[in-house]
Amino acid sequence: MNGATAQEWPQKPVRIIVPFSPGGVADNSARVAAEPLAQRLGQQVLVENRPGASGNIGTQQVAQAEPDGYTLLLGFDGTMVINPHVFSKIPFDTLKDFAPVTKLGDATFLLVAHPSAGVASLKELIEKAKSKPFSYGTSGTGGTPHLAGEMLAQRTGARLEHVPYKGGGQAITDVVGGQIPLVFTAIATAQQYVRSGRLVALGVPGAKRSSSLPDVPTFQESGLAGFDVSGWVGIFAPARTPRPVVERLHKELAAVLRSDFVRERYATLGIEPVGNSPAEFGEQVKADLARWAPVVKAANVKVD
């Protein structure tokens, strides 16, 4: 695609491949943005689900797609920066096969406890878990919430034992029912139970408090300096996609993310909209790839 053609892009529908099943936070983040993006581009924006292998199948499909701006990836931090460390073989190279476009948003996580666990704060959990192990559930193995728990254990000496679930919904059901004492999950999944008093919120592992639950302190406020773990979703194009196309996509997506329509719907998903530049997003991807390597190695997390 030469410069002249890039200026005329898009001339047909654009596809966003979501490498997960329909209905989750990642899938919905793409669908919420697709309609206003289509209006700005003057072409349909189709969201297609290609689940499998913890996101690797759909991600590989985009890595191998024509770099013409018509096939994009809804990239998720677990797939892009954690999978390369937890799978012995992976069918794509995050840095070489993709051109970052923009981070759509950050997803806030929350550590919650069942009241019967007998812990009312993160400090109390750490103290008790040094002498007695506590199990914590997350959706799957090797995702950001799982590794947040591993990082917490490595940083504090707390004895935390991971219990993987097929989905976040089942993990929440079990902690609400008292079958498991702790769950690390997306704030959108847990907030209703915290507000009703059925679960105790111990802390937010991200850099700042959540606007959804502003009374819940961050891990940093609870004494863990520099502890900053949140999930993210973003748009990637195949590597070698023309710069003018990447820049146009970024410009239009940034405008979409500033709209009240998207901001309100992202709030219900527990996502804080971002819309940073391709260069800024690319730097975070590199930093996160480097950050998770020692955590995964120390915890010996393997998926295959």
C-alpha atoms as a PDB file:
ATOM      1  CA  MET A   1       0.000   0.000   0.000  1.00  0.00           C
ATOM      2  CA  ASN A   2       1.586   3.269  -1.050  1.00  0.00           C
ATOM      3  CA  GLY A   3       1.062   6.687   0.542  1.00  0.00           C
ATOM      4  CA  ALA A   4      -1.709   7.673  -1.868  1.00  0.00           C
ATOM      5  CA  THR A   5      -3.668   4.503  -1.180  1.00  0.00           C
ATOM      6  CA  ALA A   6      -3.145   4.884   2.560  1.00  0.00           C
ATOM      7  CA  GLN A   7      -4.883   8.280   2.382  1.00  0.00           C
ATOM      8  CA  GLU A   8      -7.920   6.582   0.817  1.00  0.00           C
ATOM      9  CA  TRP A   9      -8.099   3.896   3.504  1.00  0.00           C
ATOM     10  CA  PRO A  10     -10.562   2.375   4.382  1.00  0.00           C
ATOM     11  CA  GLN A  11     -12.422   1.343   1.234  1.00  0.00           C
ATOM     12  CA  LYS A  12     -14.060  -1.787   2.673  1.00  0.00           C
ATOM     13  CA  PRO A  13     -15.115  -3.122   6.105  1.00  0.00           C
ATOM     14  CA  VAL A  14     -12.470  -3.386   8.838  1.00  0.00           C
ATOM     15  CA  ARG A  15     -12.327  -6.502  11.043  1.00  0.00           C
ATOM     16  CA  ILE A  16     -11.293  -6.576  14.687  1.00  0.00           C
ATOM     17  CA  ILE A  17     -10.339 -10.106  15.720  1.00  0.00           C
ATOM     18  CA  VAL A  18     -11.060 -10.830  19.395  1.00  0.00           C
ATOM     19  CA  PRO A  19      -9.113 -13.966  20.418  1.00  0.00           C
ATOM     20  CA  PHE A  20     -11.696 -14.899  23.079  1.00  0.00           C
ATOM     21  CA  SER A  21     -15.313 -16.041  23.274  1.00  0.00           C
ATOM     22  CA  PRO A  22     -18.115 -13.455  23.127  1.00  0.00           C
ATOM     23  CA  GLY A  23     -19.338 -11.779  26.291  1.00  0.00           C
ATOM     24  CA  GLY A  24     -16.218 -11.122  28.355  1.00  0.00           C
ATOM     25  CA  VAL A  25     -14.701  -7.754  29.238  1.00  0.00           C
ATOM     26  CA  ALA A  26     -12.164  -7.935  26.373  1.00  0.00           C
ATOM     27  CA  ASP A  27     -14.851  -8.803  23.809  1.00  0.00           C
ATOM     28  CA  ASN A  28     -17.203  -6.083  25.051  1.00  0.00           C
ATOM     29  CA  SER A  29     -14.444  -3.462  25.024  1.00  0.00           C
ATOM     30  CA  ALA A  30     -14.057  -4.077  21.275  1.00  0.00           C
ATOM     31  CA  ARG A  31     -17.798  -4.098  20.564  1.00  0.00           C
ATOM     32  CA  VAL A  32     -18.431  -0.844  22.454  1.00  0.00           C
ATOM     33  CA  ALA A  33     -15.741   0.947  20.402  1.00  0.00           C
ATOM     34  CA  ALA A  34     -16.609  -0.647  17.035  1.00  0.00           C
ATOM     35  CA  GLU A  35     -19.824   1.241  16.260  1.00  0.00           C
ATOM     36  CA  PRO A  36     -18.539   4.792  16.888  1.00  0.00           C
ATOM     37  CA  LEU A  37     -15.283   3.866  15.085  1.00  0.00           C
ATOM     38  CA  ALA A  38     -17.307   2.732  12.061  1.00  0.00           C
ATOM     39  CA  GLN A  39     -19.131   6.072  12.011  1.00  0.00           C
ATOM     40  CA  ARG A  40     -15.837   7.952  12.000  1.00  0.00           C
ATOM     41  CA  LEU A  41     -14.261   5.747   9.298  1.00  0.00           C
ATOM     42  CA  GLY A  42     -17.340   5.600   7.069  1.00  0.00           C
ATOM     43  CA  GLN A  43     -17.033   1.811   6.833  1.00  0.00           C
ATOM     44  CA  GLN A  44     -18.359  -1.136   8.813  1.00  0.00           C
ATOM     45  CA  VAL A  45     -16.185  -2.330  11.694  1.00  0.00           C
ATOM     46  CA  LEU A  46     -16.878  -6.028  12.294  1.00  0.00           C
ATOM     47  CA  VAL A  47     -15.916  -7.791  15.524  1.00  0.00           C
ATOM     48  CA  GLU A  48     -15.056 -11.474  15.037  1.00  0.00           C
ATOM     49  CA  ASN A  49     -14.332 -13.948  17.832  1.00  0.00           C
ATOM     50  CA  ARG A  50     -11.510 -16.460  17.287  1.00  0.00           C
ATOM     51  CA  PRO A  51     -11.072 -18.108  20.711  1.00  0.00           C
ATOM     52  CA  GLY A  52      -8.636 -20.850  21.671  1.00  0.00           C
ATOM     53  CA  ALA A  53      -5.280 -21.559  23.329  1.00  0.00           C
ATOM     54  CA  SER A  54      -5.551 -18.662  25.812  1.00  0.00           C
ATOM     55  CA  GLY A  55      -5.882 -16.160  22.976  1.00  0.00           C
ATOM     56  CA  ASN A  56      -2.981 -17.493  20.890  1.00  0.00           C
ATOM     57  CA  ILE A  57      -5.098 -18.724  17.941  1.00  0.00           C
ATOM     58  CA  GLY A  58      -6.806 -15.436  17.092  1.00  0.00           C
ATOM     59  CA  THR A  59      -3.631 -13.481  17.815  1.00  0.00           C
ATOM     60  CA  GLN A  60      -1.652 -15.659  15.373  1.00  0.00           C
ATOM     61  CA  GLN A  61      -4.322 -15.059  12.722  1.00  0.00           C
ATOM     62  CA  VAL A  62      -3.733 -11.302  12.870  1.00  0.00           C
ATOM     63  CA  ALA A  63       0.058 -11.739  12.976  1.00  0.00           C
ATOM     64  CA  GLN A  64      -0.198 -13.540   9.617  1.00  0.00           C
ATOM     65  CA  ALA A  65      -2.837 -11.225   8.073  1.00  0.00           C
ATOM     66  CA  GLU A  66      -2.169  -8.786   5.221  1.00  0.00           C
ATOM     67  CA  PRO A  67      -0.714  -5.577   6.697  1.00  0.00           C
ATOM     68  CA  ASP A  68      -3.295  -3.391   4.967  1.00  0.00           C
ATOM     69  CA  GLY A  69      -5.288  -2.040   7.921  1.00  0.00           C
ATOM     70  CA  TYR A  70      -8.329  -4.231   7.290  1.00  0.00           C
ATOM     71  CA  THR A  71      -7.556  -6.900   9.930  1.00  0.00           C
ATOM     72  CA  LEU A  72      -6.860  -5.688  13.464  1.00  0.00           C
ATOM     73  CA  LEU A  73      -6.369  -7.399  16.816  1.00  0.00           C
ATOM     74  CA  LEU A  74      -8.027  -6.709  20.127  1.00  0.00           C
ATOM     75  CA  GLY A  75      -4.892  -7.389  22.163  1.00  0.00           C
ATOM     76  CA  PHE A  76      -5.114  -8.339  25.823  1.00  0.00           C
ATOM     77  CA  ASP A  77      -2.176  -8.061  28.232  1.00  0.00           C
ATOM     78  CA  GLY A  78      -2.446 -11.746  29.202  1.00  0.00           C
ATOM     79  CA  THR A  79      -2.011 -12.853  25.595  1.00  0.00           C
ATOM     80  CA  MET A  80       0.526 -10.281  24.447  1.00  0.00           C
ATOM     81  CA  VAL A  81       2.945  -9.991  27.392  1.00  0.00           C
ATOM     82  CA  ILE A  82       2.323 -13.023  29.654  1.00  0.00           C
ATOM     83  CA  ASN A  83       1.654 -15.906  27.227  1.00  0.00           C
ATOM     84  CA  PRO A  84       5.164 -15.588  25.713  1.00  0.00           C
ATOM     85  CA  HIS A  85       6.540 -16.529  29.164  1.00  0.00           C
ATOM     86  CA  VAL A  86       4.073 -19.251  30.217  1.00  0.00           C
ATOM     87  CA  PHE A  87       3.882 -21.204  26.930  1.00  0.00           C
ATOM     88  CA  SER A  88       6.990 -23.128  25.850  1.00  0.00           C
ATOM     89  CA  LYS A  89       6.127 -22.379  22.193  1.00  0.00           C
ATOM     90  CA  ILE A  90       4.014 -19.523  20.939  1.00  0.00           C
ATOM     91  CA  PRO A  91       2.910 -18.878  17.315  1.00  0.00           C
ATOM     92  CA  PHE A  92       3.694 -15.142  17.236  1.00  0.00           C
ATOM     93  CA  ASP A  93       6.279 -12.609  18.382  1.00  0.00           C
ATOM     94  CA  THR A  94       4.611  -9.732  20.218  1.00  0.00           C
ATOM     95  CA  LEU A  95       7.273  -7.173  19.303  1.00  0.00           C
ATOM     96  CA  LYS A  96       8.078  -8.285  15.749  1.00  0.00           C
ATOM     97  CA  ASP A  97       4.658  -9.305  14.407  1.00  0.00           C
ATOM     98  CA  PHE A  98       2.519  -6.353  15.506  1.00  0.00           C
ATOM     99  CA  ALA A  99       2.254  -2.590  15.208  1.00  0.00           C
ATOM    100  CA  PRO A 100       0.670  -1.147  18.380  1.00  0.00           C
ATOM    101  CA  VAL A 101      -2.107   1.342  17.560  1.00  0.00           C
ATOM    102  CA  THR A 102      -3.446   2.454  20.948  1.00  0.00           C
ATOM    103  CA  LYS A 103      -4.348   1.189  24.389  1.00  0.00           C
ATOM    104  CA  LEU A 104      -8.135   1.250  24.647  1.00  0.00           C
ATOM    105  CA  GLY A 105      -8.077   1.123  28.424  1.00  0.00           C
ATOM    106  CA  ASP A 106      -6.905  -0.279  31.727  1.00  0.00           C
ATOM    107  CA  ALA A 107      -9.001  -2.836  33.593  1.00  0.00           C
ATOM    108  CA  THR A 108      -8.866  -2.544  37.360  1.00  0.00           C
ATOM    109  CA  PHE A 109      -8.516  -5.688  39.459  1.00  0.00           C
ATOM    110  CA  LEU A 110      -9.619  -6.278  43.018  1.00  0.00           C
ATOM    111  CA  LEU A 111      -8.581  -8.752  45.724  1.00  0.00           C
ATOM    112  CA  VAL A 112     -11.688  -9.841  47.641  1.00  0.00           C
ATOM    113  CA  ALA A 113     -12.222 -12.181  50.579  1.00  0.00           C
ATOM    114  CA  HIS A 114     -15.174 -14.095  51.959  1.00  0.00           C
ATOM    115  CA  PRO A 115     -16.025 -12.781  55.455  1.00  0.00           C
ATOM    116  CA  SER A 116     -15.271 -16.248  56.907  1.00  0.00           C
ATOM    117  CA  ALA A 117     -11.607 -15.819  55.851  1.00  0.00           C
ATOM    118  CA  GLY A 118     -11.257 -13.519  58.872  1.00  0.00           C
ATOM    119  CA  VAL A 119      -9.200 -10.819  57.129  1.00  0.00           C
ATOM    120  CA  ALA A 120     -10.395  -7.215  56.857  1.00  0.00           C
ATOM    121  CA  SER A 121      -7.363  -5.659  55.128  1.00  0.00           C
ATOM    122  CA  LEU A 122      -4.407  -6.529  52.914  1.00  0.00           C
ATOM    123  CA  LYS A 123      -1.996  -6.085  55.840  1.00  0.00           C
ATOM    124  CA  GLU A 124      -4.005  -8.554  57.926  1.00  0.00           C
ATOM    125  CA  LEU A 125      -4.032 -11.089  55.083  1.00  0.00           C
ATOM    126  CA  ILE A 126      -0.250 -10.845  54.605  1.00  0.00           C
ATOM    127  CA  GLU A 127       0.348 -11.295  58.334  1.00  0.00           C
ATOM    128  CA  LYS A 128      -1.957 -14.320  58.644  1.00  0.00           C
ATOM    129  CA  ALA A 129      -0.783 -15.904  55.367  1.00  0.00           C
ATOM    130  CA  LYS A 130       2.818 -16.017  56.577  1.00  0.00           C
ATOM    131  CA  SER A 131       1.876 -18.774  59.022  1.00  0.00           C
ATOM    132  CA  LYS A 132      -1.178 -20.301  57.310  1.00  0.00           C
ATOM    133  CA  PRO A 133      -1.686 -20.721  53.534  1.00  0.00           C
ATOM    134  CA  PHE A 134      -4.651 -19.018  51.848  1.00  0.00           C
ATOM    135  CA  SER A 135      -5.949 -20.158  48.468  1.00  0.00           C
ATOM    136  CA  TYR A 136      -7.017 -17.606  45.866  1.00  0.00           C
ATOM    137  CA  GLY A 137      -8.993 -18.160  42.675  1.00  0.00           C
ATOM    138  CA  THR A 138      -8.603 -16.491  39.289  1.00  0.00           C
ATOM    139  CA  SER A 139      -9.858 -17.088  35.787  1.00  0.00           C
ATOM    140  CA  GLY A 140      -7.353 -19.494  34.219  1.00  0.00           C
ATOM    141  CA  THR A 141      -3.625 -19.986  34.684  1.00  0.00           C
ATOM    142  CA  GLY A 142      -1.030 -17.381  33.768  1.00  0.00           C
ATOM    143  CA  GLY A 143      -3.367 -14.399  33.502  1.00  0.00           C
ATOM    144  CA  THR A 144      -2.657 -11.022  35.078  1.00  0.00           C
ATOM    145  CA  PRO A 145      -4.738 -11.705  38.237  1.00  0.00           C
ATOM    146  CA  HIS A 146      -2.906 -15.021  38.766  1.00  0.00           C
ATOM    147  CA  LEU A 147       0.463 -13.325  38.435  1.00  0.00           C
ATOM    148  CA  ALA A 148      -0.643 -10.462  40.700  1.00  0.00           C
ATOM    149  CA  GLY A 149      -1.137 -13.120  43.385  1.00  0.00           C
ATOM    150  CA  GLU A 150       2.264 -14.656  42.648  1.00  0.00           C
ATOM    151  CA  MET A 151       3.882 -11.217  42.834  1.00  0.00           C
ATOM    152  CA  LEU A 152       2.144 -10.517  46.146  1.00  0.00           C
ATOM    153  CA  ALA A 153       3.468 -13.792  47.559  1.00  0.00           C
ATOM    154  CA  GLN A 154       6.991 -13.134  46.249  1.00  0.00           C
ATOM    155  CA  ARG A 155       7.043  -9.581  47.619  1.00  0.00           C
ATOM    156  CA  THR A 156       5.681 -10.365  51.106  1.00  0.00           C
ATOM    157  CA  GLY A 157       6.381 -14.006  51.952  1.00  0.00           C
ATOM    158  CA  ALA A 158       2.641 -14.668  52.233  1.00  0.00           C
ATOM    159  CA  ARG A 159       1.695 -18.273  51.472  1.00  0.00           C
ATOM    160  CA  LEU A 160      -0.841 -17.947  48.678  1.00  0.00           C
ATOM    161  CA  GLU A 161      -1.955 -20.984  46.686  1.00  0.00           C
ATOM    162  CA  HIS A 162      -3.470 -20.453  43.247  1.00  0.00           C
ATOM    163  CA  VAL A 163      -6.728 -22.149  42.196  1.00  0.00           C
ATOM    164  CA  PRO A 164      -7.486 -21.753  38.460  1.00  0.00           C
ATOM    165  CA  TYR A 165     -11.086 -21.503  37.234  1.00  0.00           C
ATOM    166  CA  LYS A 166     -12.420 -21.770  33.691  1.00  0.00           C
ATOM    167  CA  GLY A 167     -13.938 -18.315  34.031  1.00  0.00           C
ATOM    168  CA  GLY A 168     -14.168 -15.375  36.406  1.00  0.00           C
ATOM    169  CA  GLY A 169     -17.879 -15.996  36.979  1.00  0.00           C
ATOM    170  CA  GLN A 170     -17.312 -19.408  38.586  1.00  0.00           C
ATOM    171  CA  ALA A 171     -14.510 -18.043  40.769  1.00  0.00           C
ATOM    172  CA  ILE A 172     -16.784 -15.281  42.082  1.00  0.00           C
ATOM    173  CA  THR A 173     -19.606 -17.788  42.699  1.00  0.00           C
ATOM    174  CA  ASP A 174     -17.262 -19.931  44.801  1.00  0.00           C
ATOM    175  CA  VAL A 175     -15.893 -17.065  46.901  1.00  0.00           C
ATOM    176  CA  VAL A 176     -19.407 -15.701  47.518  1.00  0.00           C
ATOM    177  CA  GLY A 177     -20.445 -19.218  48.558  1.00  0.00           C
ATOM    178  CA  GLY A 178     -17.455 -19.542  50.888  1.00  0.00           C
ATOM    179  CA  GLN A 179     -15.864 -22.478  49.024  1.00  0.00           C
ATOM    180  CA  ILE A 180     -12.653 -20.462  48.575  1.00  0.00           C
ATOM    181  CA  PRO A 181     -11.386 -17.606  50.788  1.00  0.00           C
ATOM    182  CA  LEU A 182      -9.929 -15.217  48.198  1.00  0.00           C
ATOM    183  CA  VAL A 183     -10.387 -14.215  44.568  1.00  0.00           C
ATOM    184  CA  PHE A 184      -8.422 -11.828  42.340  1.00  0.00           C
ATOM    185  CA  THR A 185     -10.859 -10.606  39.691  1.00  0.00           C
ATOM    186  CA  ALA A 186     -11.974  -7.660  37.557  1.00  0.00           C
ATOM    187  CA  ILE A 187     -13.584  -4.970  39.690  1.00  0.00           C
ATOM    188  CA  ALA A 188     -16.716  -5.028  37.506  1.00  0.00           C
ATOM    189  CA  THR A 189     -17.297  -8.676  38.481  1.00  0.00           C
ATOM    190  CA  ALA A 190     -16.961  -8.172  42.240  1.00  0.00           C
ATOM    191  CA  GLN A 191     -18.221  -4.673  43.043  1.00  0.00           C
ATOM    192  CA  GLN A 192     -21.884  -5.599  43.607  1.00  0.00           C
ATOM    193  CA  TYR A 193     -20.892  -8.183  46.246  1.00  0.00           C
ATOM    194  CA  VAL A 194     -18.583  -5.730  47.993  1.00  0.00           C
ATOM    195  CA  ARG A 195     -21.306  -3.070  48.117  1.00  0.00           C
ATOM    196  CA  SER A 196     -23.823  -5.559  49.550  1.00  0.00           C
ATOM    197  CA  GLY A 197     -21.341  -6.733  52.201  1.00  0.00           C
ATOM    198  CA  ARG A 198     -21.163 -10.312  50.924  1.00  0.00           C
ATOM    199  CA  LEU A 199     -17.447  -9.924  50.122  1.00  0.00           C
ATOM    200  CA  VAL A 200     -14.669  -7.910  51.762  1.00  0.00           C
ATOM    201  CA  ALA A 201     -12.508  -5.794  49.424  1.00  0.00           C
ATOM    202  CA  LEU A 202      -8.870  -6.022  50.541  1.00  0.00           C
ATOM    203  CA  GLY A 203      -7.254  -3.816  47.932  1.00  0.00           C
ATOM    204  CA  VAL A 204      -6.742  -2.637  44.363  1.00  0.00           C
ATOM    205  CA  PRO A 205      -3.362  -3.736  42.928  1.00  0.00           C
ATOM    206  CA  GLY A 206      -3.238  -0.873  40.387  1.00  0.00           C
ATOM    207  CA  ALA A 207      -1.604   2.543  40.695  1.00  0.00           C
ATOM    208  CA  LYS A 208      -4.740   4.391  41.802  1.00  0.00           C
ATOM    209  CA  ARG A 209      -8.053   3.727  43.494  1.00  0.00           C
ATOM    210  CA  SER A 210     -11.023   2.725  41.372  1.00  0.00           C
ATOM    211  CA  SER A 211     -13.769   5.277  40.797  1.00  0.00           C
ATOM    212  CA  SER A 212     -16.237   2.366  41.186  1.00  0.00           C
ATOM    213  CA  LEU A 213     -15.090   1.607  44.753  1.00  0.00           C
ATOM    214  CA  PRO A 214     -13.274   4.775  45.880  1.00  0.00           C
ATOM    215  CA  ASP A 215     -13.045   3.676  49.549  1.00  0.00           C
ATOM    216  CA  VAL A 216     -10.897   0.626  48.740  1.00  0.00           C
ATOM    217  CA  PRO A 217      -7.165   1.388  49.153  1.00  0.00           C
ATOM    218  CA  THR A 218      -4.481   0.427  46.655  1.00  0.00           C
ATOM    219  CA  PHE A 219      -1.803  -2.118  47.512  1.00  0.00           C
ATOM    220  CA  GLN A 220       0.672   0.770  47.490  1.00  0.00           C
ATOM    221  CA  GLU A 221      -1.347   2.596  50.136  1.00  0.00           C
ATOM    222  CA  SER A 222      -1.277  -0.620  52.176  1.00  0.00           C
ATOM    223  CA  GLY A 223       2.520  -0.559  52.256  1.00  0.00           C
ATOM    224  CA  LEU A 224       3.602  -2.277  49.010  1.00  0.00           C
ATOM    225  CA  ALA A 225       5.549   0.486  47.274  1.00  0.00           C
ATOM    226  CA  GLY A 226       5.520   0.327  43.468  1.00  0.00           C
ATOM    227  CA  PHE A 227       2.954  -2.502  43.297  1.00  0.00           C
ATOM    228  CA  ASP A 228       1.067  -1.651  40.109  1.00  0.00           C
ATOM    229  CA  VAL A 229      -0.815  -4.409  38.306  1.00  0.00           C
ATOM    230  CA  SER A 230      -3.807  -3.797  36.073  1.00  0.00           C
ATOM    231  CA  GLY A 231      -4.994  -5.470  32.911  1.00  0.00           C
ATOM    232  CA  TRP A 232      -5.197  -3.685  29.587  1.00  0.00           C
ATOM    233  CA  VAL A 233      -6.863  -4.028  26.217  1.00  0.00           C
ATOM    234  CA  GLY A 234      -5.628  -2.374  23.063  1.00  0.00           C
ATOM    235  CA  ILE A 235      -5.687  -2.413  19.286  1.00  0.00           C
ATOM    236  CA  PHE A 236      -2.800  -3.836  17.248  1.00  0.00           C
ATOM    237  CA  ALA A 237      -2.303  -4.025  13.491  1.00  0.00           C
ATOM    238  CA  PRO A 238      -0.021  -6.530  11.739  1.00  0.00           C
ATOM    239  CA  ALA A 239       3.593  -5.377  11.528  1.00  0.00           C
ATOM    240  CA  ARG A 240       4.403  -3.415   8.345  1.00  0.00           C
ATOM    241  CA  THR A 241       0.949  -1.823   8.244  1.00  0.00           C
ATOM    242  CA  PRO A 242       1.585   1.617   6.667  1.00  0.00           C
ATOM    243  CA  ARG A 243       2.238   4.339   9.234  1.00  0.00           C
ATOM    244  CA  PRO A 244      -0.460   6.647   7.819  1.00  0.00           C
ATOM    245  CA  VAL A 245      -3.061   3.907   8.405  1.00  0.00           C
ATOM    246  CA  VAL A 246      -1.836   3.273  11.983  1.00  0.00           C
ATOM    247  CA  GLU A 247      -1.876   7.022  12.676  1.00  0.00           C
ATOM    248  CA  ARG A 248      -5.388   7.451  11.255  1.00  0.00           C
ATOM    249  CA  LEU A 249      -6.611   4.523  13.343  1.00  0.00           C
ATOM    250  CA  HIS A 250      -5.055   6.008  16.465  1.00  0.00           C
ATOM    251  CA  LYS A 251      -6.565   9.430  15.789  1.00  0.00           C
ATOM    252  CA  GLU A 252     -10.080   8.026  15.306  1.00  0.00           C
ATOM    253  CA  LEU A 253      -9.886   5.603  18.251  1.00  0.00           C
ATOM    254  CA  ALA A 254      -8.602   8.346  20.570  1.00  0.00           C
ATOM    255  CA  ALA A 255     -11.645  10.439  19.599  1.00  0.00           C
ATOM    256  CA  VAL A 256     -13.958   7.448  20.174  1.00  0.00           C
ATOM    257  CA  LEU A 257     -12.478   6.930  23.658  1.00  0.00           C
ATOM    258  CA  ARG A 258     -13.157  10.561  24.576  1.00  0.00           C
ATOM    259  CA  SER A 259     -16.881  10.210  23.796  1.00  0.00           C
ATOM    260  CA  ASP A 260     -19.402  10.051  26.648  1.00  0.00           C
ATOM    261  CA  PHE A 261     -21.018   7.000  25.004  1.00  0.00           C
ATOM    262  CA  VAL A 262     -17.831   4.916  25.246  1.00  0.00           C
ATOM    263  CA  ARG A 263     -16.710   6.288  28.617  1.00  0.00           C
ATOM    264  CA  GLU A 264     -20.046   5.410  30.241  1.00  0.00           C
ATOM    265  CA  ARG A 265     -20.059   1.881  28.849  1.00  0.00           C
ATOM    266  CA  TYR A 266     -16.409   1.299  29.699  1.00  0.00           C
ATOM    267  CA  ALA A 267     -17.179   2.361  33.292  1.00  0.00           C
ATOM    268  CA  THR A 268     -19.695  -0.493  33.576  1.00  0.00           C
ATOM    269  CA  LEU A 269     -16.957  -2.886  32.366  1.00  0.00           C
ATOM    270  CA  GLY A 270     -14.473  -1.540  34.934  1.00  0.00           C
ATOM    271  CA  ILE A 271     -12.264  -0.064  32.178  1.00  0.00           C
ATOM    272  CA  GLU A 272     -10.572   3.333  32.360  1.00  0.00           C
ATOM    273  CA  PRO A 273     -10.265   4.663  28.743  1.00  0.00           C
ATOM    274  CA  VAL A 274      -6.735   5.628  27.602  1.00  0.00           C
ATOM    275  CA  GLY A 275      -6.140   6.238  23.859  1.00  0.00           C
ATOM    276  CA  ASN A 276      -2.362   6.806  24.066  1.00  0.00           C
ATOM    277  CA  SER A 277      -0.055   7.115  21.051  1.00  0.00           C
ATOM    278  CA  PRO A 278       1.306   4.070  19.165  1.00  0.00           C
ATOM    279  CA  ALA A 279       4.797   4.841  20.541  1.00  0.00           C
ATOM    280  CA  GLU A 280       3.580   5.120  24.147  1.00  0.00           C
ATOM    281  CA  PHE A 281       1.576   1.909  23.870  1.00  0.00           C
ATOM    282  CA  GLY A 282       4.552   0.135  22.306  1.00  0.00           C
ATOM    283  CA  GLU A 283       6.791   1.185  25.207  1.00  0.00           C
ATOM    284  CA  GLN A 284       4.347  -0.244  27.740  1.00  0.00           C
ATOM    285  CA  VAL A 285       4.155  -3.542  25.832  1.00  0.00           C
ATOM    286  CA  LYS A 286       7.980  -3.816  25.927  1.00  0.00           C
ATOM    287  CA  ALA A 287       8.121  -2.910  29.626  1.00  0.00           C
ATOM    288  CA  ASP A 288       5.388  -5.398  30.559  1.00  0.00           C
ATOM    289  CA  LEU A 289       7.046  -8.210  28.596  1.00  0.00           C
ATOM    290  CA  ALA A 290      10.236  -7.602  30.595  1.00  0.00           C
ATOM    291  CA  ARG A 291       8.440  -7.176  33.928  1.00  0.00           C
ATOM    292  CA  TRP A 292       6.538 -10.477  33.903  1.00  0.00           C
ATOM    293  CA  ALA A 293       9.477 -12.693  32.881  1.00  0.00           C
ATOM    294  CA  PRO A 294      11.080 -12.947  36.371  1.00  0.00           C
ATOM    295  CA  VAL A 295       7.687 -13.300  38.119  1.00  0.00           C
ATOM    296  CA  VAL A 296       6.697 -16.232  35.877  1.00  0.00           C
ATOM    297  CA  LYS A 297      10.128 -17.843  36.270  1.00  0.00           C
ATOM    298  CA  ALA A 298      10.168 -17.558  40.079  1.00  0.00           C
ATOM    299  CA  ALA A 299       6.638 -18.982  40.335  1.00  0.00           C
ATOM    300  CA  ASN A 300       7.373 -21.674  37.708  1.00  0.00           C
ATOM    301  CA  VAL A 301       4.079 -20.991  35.936  1.00  0.00           C
ATOM    302  CA  LYS A 302       3.624 -23.193  32.849  1.00  0.00           C
ATOM    303  CA  VAL A 303       0.483 -23.700  30.793  1.00  0.00           C
ATOM    304  CA  ASP A 304       1.682 -26.495  28.480  1.00  0.00           C
END
